[in-house]
C-alpha atoms as a PDB file:
ATOM      1  CA  MET A   1     -74.766  89.010 133.732  1.00  0.00           C
ATOM      2  CA  LYS A   2     -75.298  92.275 135.790  1.00  0.00           C
ATOM      3  CA  GLY A   3     -77.703  92.403 138.699  1.00  0.00           C
ATOM      4  CA  GLY A   4     -81.248  93.700 138.676  1.00  0.00           C
ATOM      5  CA  VAL A   5     -82.171  91.629 135.580  1.00  0.00           C
ATOM      6  CA  GLY A   6     -84.396  89.186 137.329  1.00  0.00           C
ATOM      7  CA  LYS A   7     -82.218  86.095 137.712  1.00  0.00           C
ATOM      8  CA  THR A   8     -83.618  84.883 141.025  1.00  0.00           C
ATOM      9  CA  THR A   9     -87.223  85.609 139.925  1.00  0.00           C
ATOM     10  CA  ILE A  10     -86.915  83.297 136.987  1.00  0.00           C
ATOM     11  CA  THR A  11     -85.129  80.731 139.114  1.00  0.00           C
ATOM     12  CA  VAL A  12     -88.073  80.569 141.486  1.00  0.00           C
ATOM     13  CA  GLY A  13     -90.594  80.608 138.676  1.00  0.00           C
ATOM     14  CA  LEU A  14     -89.016  77.806 136.752  1.00  0.00           C
ATOM     15  CA  ALA A  15     -88.531  75.726 139.992  1.00  0.00           C
ATOM     16  CA  HIS A  16     -92.228  76.071 140.781  1.00  0.00           C
ATOM     17  CA  ALA A  17     -93.299  75.413 137.065  1.00  0.00           C
ATOM     18  CA  PHE A  18     -91.130  72.255 136.678  1.00  0.00           C
ATOM     19  CA  ALA A  19     -92.582  70.963 140.064  1.00  0.00           C
ATOM     20  CA  GLN A  20     -95.945  70.944 138.705  1.00  0.00           C
ATOM     21  CA  GLU A  21     -97.685  67.855 137.221  1.00  0.00           C
ATOM     22  CA  ASN A  22     -96.488  66.824 133.611  1.00  0.00           C
ATOM     23  CA  ALA A  23     -97.900  64.747 130.953  1.00  0.00           C
ATOM     24  CA  ALA A  24     -96.580  61.649 132.760  1.00  0.00           C
ATOM     25  CA  GLY A  25     -98.906  62.452 135.676  1.00  0.00           C
ATOM     26  CA  LYS A  26     -96.191  63.128 138.036  1.00  0.00           C
ATOM     27  CA  ALA A  27     -93.948  66.111 138.797  1.00  0.00           C
ATOM     28  CA  LEU A  28     -90.104  66.310 138.410  1.00  0.00           C
ATOM     29  CA  ARG A  29     -88.040  66.336 141.571  1.00  0.00           C
ATOM     30  CA  ILE A  30     -86.434  69.717 141.764  1.00  0.00           C
ATOM     31  CA  LEU A  31     -83.407  70.998 143.617  1.00  0.00           C
ATOM     32  CA  VAL A  32     -82.523  74.654 143.689  1.00  0.00           C
ATOM     33  CA  ILE A  33     -78.925  75.518 144.838  1.00  0.00           C
ATOM     34  CA  ASP A  34     -78.434  79.028 145.825  1.00  0.00           C
ATOM     35  CA  LEU A  35     -74.769  80.392 144.778  1.00  0.00           C
ATOM     36  CA  ASP A  36     -75.693  84.130 145.335  1.00  0.00           C
ATOM     37  CA  ALA A  37     -74.645  85.566 148.690  1.00  0.00           C
ATOM     38  CA  GLN A  38     -77.496  88.008 148.495  1.00  0.00           C
ATOM     39  CA  ALA A  39     -79.572  84.720 149.251  1.00  0.00           C
ATOM     40  CA  ASN A  40     -82.610  86.202 147.835  1.00  0.00           C
ATOM     41  CA  ALA A  41     -83.639  82.557 146.375  1.00  0.00           C
ATOM     42  CA  SER A  42     -83.074  81.291 149.825  1.00  0.00           C
ATOM     43  CA  PHE A  43     -85.262  83.774 151.603  1.00  0.00           C
ATOM     44  CA  TRP A  44     -87.806  83.470 148.695  1.00  0.00           C
ATOM     45  CA  PHE A  45     -88.090  79.542 149.263  1.00  0.00           C
ATOM     46  CA  CYS A  46     -87.594  79.414 152.999  1.00  0.00           C
ATOM     47  CA  GLY A  47     -88.733  82.537 154.643  1.00  0.00           C
ATOM     48  CA  ASP A  48     -86.944  84.653 156.992  1.00  0.00           C
ATOM     49  CA  GLN A  49     -87.557  82.315 160.263  1.00  0.00           C
ATOM     50  CA  LYS A  50     -86.690  79.021 158.349  1.00  0.00           C
ATOM     51  CA  LEU A  51     -83.774  80.529 156.756  1.00  0.00           C
ATOM     52  CA  THR A  52     -82.412  81.954 159.924  1.00  0.00           C
ATOM     53  CA  GLU A  53     -82.771  78.340 161.381  1.00  0.00           C
ATOM     54  CA  LEU A  54     -80.769  76.689 158.542  1.00  0.00           C
ATOM     55  CA  ILE A  55     -77.991  79.373 158.691  1.00  0.00           C
ATOM     56  CA  GLU A  56     -77.802  78.817 162.427  1.00  0.00           C
ATOM     57  CA  SER A  57     -77.594  74.824 161.964  1.00  0.00           C
ATOM     58  CA  GLY A  58     -75.093  75.096 159.291  1.00  0.00           C
ATOM     59  CA  ARG A  59     -77.312  73.692 156.565  1.00  0.00           C
ATOM     60  CA  THR A  60     -76.218  76.065 153.756  1.00  0.00           C
ATOM     61  CA  MET A  61     -73.947  75.928 150.632  1.00  0.00           C
ATOM     62  CA  ASP A  62     -71.470  78.284 152.543  1.00  0.00           C
ATOM     63  CA  ALA A  63     -71.167  75.614 155.352  1.00  0.00           C
ATOM     64  CA  PHE A  64     -70.798  72.854 152.905  1.00  0.00           C
ATOM     65  CA  LEU A  65     -67.680  74.448 151.257  1.00  0.00           C
ATOM     66  CA  GLU A  66     -66.209  75.353 154.546  1.00  0.00           C
ATOM     67  CA  ASP A  67     -66.696  71.967 155.769  1.00  0.00           C
ATOM     68  CA  ALA A  68     -65.430  70.231 152.577  1.00  0.00           C
ATOM     69  CA  VAL A  69     -62.639  72.581 151.455  1.00  0.00           C
ATOM     70  CA  VAL A  70     -61.370  74.527 154.564  1.00  0.00           C
ATOM     71  CA  LEU A  71     -62.034  72.043 157.449  1.00  0.00           C
ATOM     72  CA  ASN A  72     -61.537  68.836 155.470  1.00  0.00           C
ATOM     73  CA  GLN A  73     -64.730  67.635 157.110  1.00  0.00           C
ATOM     74  CA  PRO A  74     -66.713  66.789 153.983  1.00  0.00           C
ATOM     75  CA  ARG A  75     -70.253  65.486 154.227  1.00  0.00           C
ATOM     76  CA  THR A  76     -72.358  64.867 151.088  1.00  0.00           C
ATOM     77  CA  LEU A  77     -74.114  67.974 149.461  1.00  0.00           C
ATOM     78  CA  ALA A  78     -77.525  66.162 149.654  1.00  0.00           C
ATOM     79  CA  ASP A  79     -77.132  66.533 153.620  1.00  0.00           C
ATOM     80  CA  TYR A  80     -77.665  70.325 153.191  1.00  0.00           C
ATOM     81  CA  ALA A  81     -80.907  70.085 151.107  1.00  0.00           C
ATOM     82  CA  HIS A  82     -84.007  71.442 152.799  1.00  0.00           C
ATOM     83  CA  ILE A  83     -87.405  70.022 151.762  1.00  0.00           C
ATOM     84  CA  LEU A  84     -89.890  72.630 150.981  1.00  0.00           C
ATOM     85  CA  THR A  85     -93.542  72.124 151.847  1.00  0.00           C
ATOM     86  CA  ARG A  86     -96.265  73.073 149.435  1.00  0.00           C
ATOM     87  CA  ALA A  87     -99.823  72.815 149.822  1.00  0.00           C
ATOM     88  CA  GLY A  88    -101.274  69.711 147.897  1.00  0.00           C
ATOM     89  CA  ALA A  89     -97.831  68.794 146.717  1.00  0.00           C
ATOM     90  CA  PRO A  90     -95.857  65.715 147.825  1.00  0.00           C
ATOM     91  CA  PRO A  91     -92.860  66.127 150.151  1.00  0.00           C
ATOM     92  CA  GLY A  92     -89.497  66.181 148.455  1.00  0.00           C
ATOM     93  CA  ASP A  93     -90.617  67.099 144.977  1.00  0.00           C
ATOM     94  CA  LEU A  94     -88.982  70.746 145.561  1.00  0.00           C
ATOM     95  CA  CYS A  95     -85.799  71.228 147.712  1.00  0.00           C
ATOM     96  CA  VAL A  96     -83.404  73.889 148.160  1.00  0.00           C
ATOM     97  CA  ILE A  97     -79.679  74.073 149.375  1.00  0.00           C
ATOM     98  CA  PRO A  98     -79.771  77.889 150.635  1.00  0.00           C
ATOM     99  CA  CYS A  99     -76.836  79.981 151.270  1.00  0.00           C
ATOM    100  CA  SER A 100     -76.201  82.977 153.684  1.00  0.00           C
ATOM    101  CA  PRO A 101     -74.421  86.271 153.030  1.00  0.00           C
ATOM    102  CA  GLU A 102     -71.278  84.450 154.665  1.00  0.00           C
ATOM    103  CA  LEU A 103     -71.119  82.780 151.063  1.00  0.00           C
ATOM    104  CA  ARG A 104     -68.947  85.665 149.773  1.00  0.00           C
ATOM    105  CA  LEU A 105     -66.495  85.450 152.852  1.00  0.00           C
ATOM    106  CA  ILE A 106     -66.180  81.513 152.603  1.00  0.00           C
ATOM    107  CA  GLU A 107     -65.363  81.954 148.627  1.00  0.00           C
ATOM    108  CA  ARG A 108     -62.816  84.247 149.684  1.00  0.00           C
ATOM    109  CA  GLU A 109     -61.372  82.196 152.613  1.00  0.00           C
ATOM    110  CA  MET A 110     -61.084  79.072 150.252  1.00  0.00           C
ATOM    111  CA  THR A 111     -58.939  81.281 147.910  1.00  0.00           C
ATOM    112  CA  TYR A 112     -56.653  82.251 150.765  1.00  0.00           C
ATOM    113  CA  PHE A 113     -56.459  78.779 152.078  1.00  0.00           C
ATOM    114  CA  LEU A 114     -55.932  77.150 148.834  1.00  0.00           C
ATOM    115  CA  SER A 115     -53.181  79.877 147.756  1.00  0.00           C
ATOM    116  CA  GLU A 116     -51.272  79.288 150.956  1.00  0.00           C
ATOM    117  CA  ARG A 117     -50.759  75.815 149.391  1.00  0.00           C
ATOM    118  CA  ARG A 118     -49.515  77.473 146.251  1.00  0.00           C
ATOM    119  CA  ALA A 119     -52.763  76.928 144.182  1.00  0.00           C
ATOM    120  CA  SER A 120     -53.252  79.264 141.428  1.00  0.00           C
ATOM    121  CA  LEU A 121     -56.592  80.917 140.940  1.00  0.00           C
ATOM    122  CA  LYS A 122     -57.465  78.499 138.194  1.00  0.00           C
ATOM    123  CA  GLU A 123     -56.386  75.619 140.408  1.00  0.00           C
ATOM    124  CA  VAL A 124     -58.805  77.158 143.057  1.00  0.00           C
ATOM    125  CA  GLU A 125     -61.558  77.170 140.441  1.00  0.00           C
ATOM    126  CA  ASN A 126     -60.857  73.537 139.490  1.00  0.00           C
ATOM    127  CA  VAL A 127     -61.024  72.529 143.207  1.00  0.00           C
ATOM    128  CA  VAL A 128     -64.592  73.961 143.540  1.00  0.00           C
ATOM    129  CA  ALA A 129     -65.589  72.833 140.053  1.00  0.00           C
ATOM    130  CA  ASP A 130     -64.325  69.296 140.768  1.00  0.00           C
ATOM    131  CA  LEU A 131     -66.125  69.128 144.188  1.00  0.00           C
ATOM    132  CA  LEU A 132     -69.362  70.475 142.647  1.00  0.00           C
ATOM    133  CA  VAL A 133     -69.408  67.958 139.742  1.00  0.00           C
ATOM    134  CA  THR A 134     -68.486  65.012 142.034  1.00  0.00           C
ATOM    135  CA  GLU A 135     -71.411  66.093 144.344  1.00  0.00           C
ATOM    136  CA  LEU A 136     -73.684  66.664 141.654  1.00  0.00           C
ATOM    137  CA  ALA A 137     -73.316  63.008 140.212  1.00  0.00           C
ATOM    138  CA  ALA A 138     -74.889  61.906 143.237  1.00  0.00           C
ATOM    139  CA  LEU A 139     -77.542  64.477 143.329  1.00  0.00           C
ATOM    140  CA  LYS A 140     -78.765  63.525 139.832  1.00  0.00           C
ATOM    141  CA  GLU A 141     -79.639  60.159 141.249  1.00  0.00           C
ATOM    142  CA  LYS A 142     -82.007  61.800 143.573  1.00  0.00           C
ATOM    143  CA  TYR A 143     -83.274  64.790 141.557  1.00  0.00           C
ATOM    144  CA  ASP A 144     -84.549  65.107 138.166  1.00  0.00           C
ATOM    145  CA  LEU A 145     -83.678  68.741 137.632  1.00  0.00           C
ATOM    146  CA  ILE A 146     -80.936  71.116 139.352  1.00  0.00           C
ATOM    147  CA  ILE A 147     -81.234  74.673 139.110  1.00  0.00           C
ATOM    148  CA  PHE A 148     -78.454  77.128 140.146  1.00  0.00           C
ATOM    149  CA  ASP A 149     -78.971  80.727 141.125  1.00  0.00           C
ATOM    150  CA  THR A 150     -75.723  82.412 140.598  1.00  0.00           C
ATOM    151  CA  ALA A 151     -74.392  85.742 141.548  1.00  0.00           C
ATOM    152  CA  PRO A 152     -73.837  88.690 139.051  1.00  0.00           C
ATOM    153  CA  GLY A 153     -70.703  88.281 137.044  1.00  0.00           C
ATOM    154  CA  ILE A 154     -68.183  85.425 136.908  1.00  0.00           C
ATOM    155  CA  SER A 155     -66.699  83.994 140.198  1.00  0.00           C
ATOM    156  CA  ALA A 156     -65.146  80.391 141.012  1.00  0.00           C
ATOM    157  CA  LEU A 157     -68.538  79.378 142.323  1.00  0.00           C
ATOM    158  CA  THR A 158     -70.482  80.412 138.908  1.00  0.00           C
ATOM    159  CA  GLU A 159     -67.696  78.949 136.785  1.00  0.00           C
ATOM    160  CA  ALA A 160     -68.153  75.594 138.589  1.00  0.00           C
ATOM    161  CA  ALA A 161     -71.891  75.572 138.004  1.00  0.00           C
ATOM    162  CA  LEU A 162     -71.332  76.415 134.534  1.00  0.00           C
ATOM    163  CA  ARG A 163     -69.039  73.514 134.045  1.00  0.00           C
ATOM    164  CA  ALA A 164     -71.572  71.300 135.722  1.00  0.00           C
ATOM    165  CA  SER A 165     -74.623  72.443 133.779  1.00  0.00           C
ATOM    166  CA  ASP A 166     -76.192  71.176 130.717  1.00  0.00           C
ATOM    167  CA  ILE A 167     -77.682  74.712 129.821  1.00  0.00           C
ATOM    168  CA  VAL A 168     -76.634  78.054 130.762  1.00  0.00           C
ATOM    169  CA  ILE A 169     -79.632  80.675 130.810  1.00  0.00           C
ATOM    170  CA  VAL A 170     -78.676  84.345 130.863  1.00  0.00           C
ATOM    171  CA  PRO A 171     -81.754  86.801 131.593  1.00  0.00           C
ATOM    172  CA  THR A 172     -81.522  90.394 130.276  1.00  0.00           C
ATOM    173  CA  VAL A 173     -83.551  93.328 129.863  1.00  0.00           C
ATOM    174  CA  PRO A 174     -83.914  94.424 126.367  1.00  0.00           C
ATOM    175  CA  ASP A 175     -82.616  97.951 126.935  1.00  0.00           C
ATOM    176  CA  PHE A 176     -79.374  99.567 125.904  1.00  0.00           C
ATOM    177  CA  ILE A 177     -77.752  99.788 129.269  1.00  0.00           C
ATOM    178  CA  SER A 178     -78.586  96.082 130.097  1.00  0.00           C
ATOM    179  CA  ASN A 179     -77.297  94.866 126.883  1.00  0.00           C
ATOM    180  CA  LEU A 180     -73.856  96.619 127.124  1.00  0.00           C
ATOM    181  CA  GLY A 181     -71.291  93.750 127.141  1.00  0.00           C
ATOM    182  CA  LEU A 182     -74.097  91.142 126.633  1.00  0.00           C
ATOM    183  CA  GLU A 183     -72.142  89.558 123.670  1.00  0.00           C
ATOM    184  CA  ALA A 184     -68.782  89.716 125.593  1.00  0.00           C
ATOM    185  CA  PHE A 185     -70.352  88.172 128.746  1.00  0.00           C
ATOM    186  CA  CYS A 186     -71.956  85.342 126.857  1.00  0.00           C
ATOM    187  CA  ARG A 187     -68.529  84.662 125.310  1.00  0.00           C
ATOM    188  CA  SER A 188     -66.856  84.489 128.776  1.00  0.00           C
ATOM    189  CA  VAL A 189     -69.588  81.965 129.712  1.00  0.00           C
ATOM    190  CA  TRP A 190     -68.913  80.135 126.588  1.00  0.00           C
ATOM    191  CA  TRP A 191     -65.353  79.940 127.427  1.00  0.00           C
ATOM    192  CA  ALA A 192     -65.866  79.421 131.159  1.00  0.00           C
ATOM    193  CA  ASN A 193     -68.209  76.362 130.705  1.00  0.00           C
ATOM    194  CA  HIS A 194     -65.685  73.996 129.030  1.00  0.00           C
ATOM    195  CA  SER A 195     -62.214  72.673 129.303  1.00  0.00           C
ATOM    196  CA  GLY A 196     -60.238  70.389 127.094  1.00  0.00           C
ATOM    197  CA  SER A 197     -62.386  68.474 124.726  1.00  0.00           C
ATOM    198  CA  GLU A 198     -65.661  68.808 126.619  1.00  0.00           C
ATOM    199  CA  LEU A 199     -68.579  70.190 124.594  1.00  0.00           C
ATOM    200  CA  GLN A 200     -68.967  73.826 124.464  1.00  0.00           C
ATOM    201  CA  ARG A 201     -72.267  75.173 125.515  1.00  0.00           C
ATOM    202  CA  THR A 202     -73.676  78.345 123.991  1.00  0.00           C
ATOM    203  CA  PRO A 203     -75.415  80.237 126.623  1.00  0.00           C
ATOM    204  CA  TRP A 204     -79.264  80.876 126.042  1.00  0.00           C
ATOM    205  CA  VAL A 205     -80.549  84.493 126.516  1.00  0.00           C
ATOM    206  CA  VAL A 206     -84.137  85.159 127.780  1.00  0.00           C
ATOM    207  CA  ALA A 207     -85.746  88.610 127.511  1.00  0.00           C
ATOM    208  CA  ASN A 208     -86.943  89.533 130.754  1.00  0.00           C
ATOM    209  CA  MET A 209     -88.976  92.631 132.021  1.00  0.00           C
ATOM    210  CA  VAL A 210     -90.073  93.404 128.516  1.00  0.00           C
ATOM    211  CA  LYS A 211     -92.092  96.492 127.923  1.00  0.00           C
ATOM    212  CA  GLU A 212     -94.228  97.572 124.935  1.00  0.00           C
ATOM    213  CA  THR A 213     -92.201 100.169 123.907  1.00  0.00           C
ATOM    214  CA  LYS A 214     -90.486 101.217 120.636  1.00  0.00           C
ATOM    215  CA  HIS A 215     -87.013 100.766 122.521  1.00  0.00           C
ATOM    216  CA  HIS A 216     -87.578  97.504 123.822  1.00  0.00           C
ATOM    217  CA  ALA A 217     -88.946  96.375 120.430  1.00  0.00           C
ATOM    218  CA  ALA A 218     -85.924  97.606 118.620  1.00  0.00           C
ATOM    219  CA  MET A 219     -83.601  96.166 120.970  1.00  0.00           C
ATOM    220  CA  LEU A 220     -85.274  92.649 120.887  1.00  0.00           C
ATOM    221  CA  ALA A 221     -84.999  92.770 117.134  1.00  0.00           C
ATOM    222  CA  GLU A 222     -81.261  93.752 117.374  1.00  0.00           C
ATOM    223  CA  MET A 223     -80.754  90.995 119.797  1.00  0.00           C
ATOM    224  CA  ARG A 224     -82.560  88.362 117.857  1.00  0.00           C
ATOM    225  CA  ALA A 225     -80.851  88.999 114.609  1.00  0.00           C
ATOM    226  CA  GLU A 226     -77.380  89.048 116.608  1.00  0.00           C
ATOM    227  CA  SER A 227     -78.257  85.584 117.982  1.00  0.00           C
ATOM    228  CA  ALA A 228     -79.137  84.312 114.561  1.00  0.00           C
ATOM    229  CA  ALA A 229     -75.681  85.136 113.098  1.00  0.00           C
ATOM    230  CA  GLU A 230     -73.614  82.048 112.117  1.00  0.00           C
ATOM    231  CA  ASP A 231     -70.779  83.149 114.712  1.00  0.00           C
ATOM    232  CA  ALA A 232     -73.238  84.199 117.424  1.00  0.00           C
ATOM    233  CA  GLY A 233     -71.993  84.105 121.231  1.00  0.00           C
ATOM    234  CA  PHE A 234     -75.605  83.238 122.316  1.00  0.00           C
ATOM    235  CA  LYS A 235     -78.975  81.858 121.341  1.00  0.00           C
ATOM    236  CA  MET A 236     -82.283  83.205 122.430  1.00  0.00           C
ATOM    237  CA  PHE A 237     -85.532  81.808 123.719  1.00  0.00           C
ATOM    238  CA  ARG A 238     -88.776  82.722 121.797  1.00  0.00           C
ATOM    239  CA  ILE A 239     -90.447  83.434 125.075  1.00  0.00           C
ATOM    240  CA  GLU A 240     -90.411  87.071 126.087  1.00  0.00           C
ATOM    241  CA  ILE A 241     -91.315  87.642 129.911  1.00  0.00           C
ATOM    242  CA  PRO A 242     -93.226  90.754 130.204  1.00  0.00           C
ATOM    243  CA  CYS A 243     -92.657  93.646 132.635  1.00  0.00           C
ATOM    244  CA  SER A 244     -95.555  92.618 135.168  1.00  0.00           C
ATOM    245  CA  GLU A 245     -96.535  93.944 138.346  1.00  0.00           C
ATOM    246  CA  GLU A 246     -97.656  90.672 139.434  1.00  0.00           C
ATOM    247  CA  ILE A 247     -94.287  89.099 138.900  1.00  0.00           C
ATOM    248  CA  GLU A 248     -92.413  92.166 140.243  1.00  0.00           C
ATOM    249  CA  GLU A 249     -94.599  92.013 143.627  1.00  0.00           C
ATOM    250  CA  ALA A 250     -94.462  88.486 143.932  1.00  0.00           C
ATOM    251  CA  GLY A 251     -91.243  88.310 146.078  1.00  0.00           C
ATOM    252  CA  ALA A 252     -93.107  90.790 148.543  1.00  0.00           C
ATOM    253  CA  ARG A 253     -95.577  88.255 149.207  1.00  0.00           C
ATOM    254  CA  VAL A 254     -93.322  85.665 150.586  1.00  0.00           C
ATOM    255  CA  ARG A 255     -94.900  83.991 153.663  1.00  0.00           C
ATOM    256  CA  GLU A 256     -92.852  83.554 156.797  1.00  0.00           C
ATOM    257  CA  ALA A 257     -95.106  80.508 158.113  1.00  0.00           C
ATOM    258  CA  GLU A 258     -92.529  77.848 159.190  1.00  0.00           C
ATOM    259  CA  GLY A 259     -92.205  75.109 156.727  1.00  0.00           C
ATOM    260  CA  VAL A 260     -94.308  76.539 154.097  1.00  0.00           C
ATOM    261  CA  CYS A 261     -92.974  77.400 150.648  1.00  0.00           C
ATOM    262  CA  ALA A 262     -94.939  80.381 149.087  1.00  0.00           C
ATOM    263  CA  ALA A 263     -95.457  80.150 145.506  1.00  0.00           C
ATOM    264  CA  ALA A 264     -96.387  83.863 145.523  1.00  0.00           C
ATOM    265  CA  PHE A 265     -97.011  83.805 141.713  1.00  0.00           C
ATOM    266  CA  ASP A 266    -100.469  84.594 140.259  1.00  0.00           C
ATOM    267  CA  PRO A 267    -102.029  82.375 137.799  1.00  0.00           C
ATOM    268  CA  GLY A 268    -100.861  84.666 135.064  1.00  0.00           C
ATOM    269  CA  ALA A 269     -97.433  84.554 135.885  1.00  0.00           C
ATOM    270  CA  SER A 270     -97.444  80.973 136.606  1.00  0.00           C
ATOM    271  CA  LEU A 271     -98.858  80.308 133.176  1.00  0.00           C
ATOM    272  CA  ILE A 272     -95.738  82.366 131.520  1.00  0.00           C
ATOM    273  CA  PHE A 273     -93.167  80.309 133.546  1.00  0.00           C
ATOM    274  CA  ALA A 274     -94.816  77.142 132.671  1.00  0.00           C
ATOM    275  CA  GLY A 275     -94.262  78.247 128.855  1.00  0.00           C
ATOM    276  CA  PHE A 276     -90.706  79.077 129.537  1.00  0.00           C
ATOM    277  CA  ALA A 277     -90.168  75.579 131.241  1.00  0.00           C
ATOM    278  CA  LYS A 278     -91.476  73.893 128.162  1.00  0.00           C
ATOM    279  CA  GLU A 279     -89.081  75.500 126.003  1.00  0.00           C
ATOM    280  CA  ILE A 280     -86.397  74.638 128.414  1.00  0.00           C
ATOM    281  CA  ALA A 281     -87.627  71.029 128.570  1.00  0.00           C
ATOM    282  CA  ASP A 282     -87.665  70.682 125.019  1.00  0.00           C
ATOM    283  CA  LEU A 283     -83.961  71.515 124.754  1.00  0.00           C
ATOM    284  CA  ILE A 284     -82.714  69.405 127.755  1.00  0.00           C
ATOM    285  CA  GLY A 285     -84.913  66.360 127.216  1.00  0.00           C
ATOM    286  CA  VAL A 286     -87.216  66.465 130.289  1.00  0.00           C
ATOM    287  CA  PRO A 287     -90.867  66.300 130.645  1.00  0.00           C
ATOM    288  CA  ALA A 288     -92.473  69.646 130.369  1.00  0.00           C
ATOM    289  CA  PRO A 289     -94.921  70.694 133.021  1.00  0.00           C
ATOM    290  CA  LEU A 290     -98.738  70.887 132.076  1.00  0.00           C
ATOM    291  CA  SER A 291    -100.216  74.232 131.792  1.00  0.00           C
ATOM    292  CA  ARG A 292    -103.960  75.068 132.587  1.00  0.00           C
ATOM    293  CA  GLY A 293    -105.927  73.542 129.809  1.00  0.00           C
ATOM    294  CA  ASP A 294    -103.442  71.092 129.037  1.00  0.00           C
ATOM    295  CA  SER A 295    -104.521  67.381 129.186  1.00  0.00           C
ATOM    296  CA  ARG A 296    -102.647  64.169 129.761  1.00  0.00           C
END
């Protein structure tokens, strides 16, 4: 989807929500993979100093792709995961494979490299998708939930992530401009995330940055009616994430202390993401995190 709709904020919020204790008395093991060259999720999780260290040491998604595809020096993707430290949480329950702004250049370099070997654009996408799917099979033994933060639009990396995902979440702001082309975009996701006889996964839309205005209310009603149609190109989550100063400013409170992952969300925002995580958990069949007031 277009930029500026809160994809990274939702990624971070859901990762922290799912990493909380659930009804079984333990947290899920969460891995976030940053596929957006803006590297906002990487910065949010790691802070500036740690992210710089990871980039310089070649422990990023772009370094993995360059090693595996261009240099033919593959290592397992798990080798690039960074364990995040959170106060009061066991080590290893929340990890990230960060990226750097070089990701966009590496994606272009892969395309040139494979094109020289007479690979078509579709074959380039297949190479990346097959590599990612193979690596994810091993990662699924180590993590209970893997979350991709993708760049706006559809790229080879985004298509690879779509093929490997059990659920595709599309955030959007319920206004006229943000929803231009929502149906067409979701249909492109629908076609991109399957091949051959694989199950076609209809994307799920979540309304984000919702304001208590007549325009947003009207757009939400229109979107929900559209998603309920028999031939709808998308479905909608029940939850609506409000336009919240606490959520908007959370990214500005990222601490740069080395080795410390800053949750940065206040209790109200955390409660919202816990509710969203419960909806997702019901869809994909994983334990839902406990909210404050819940009991085991």
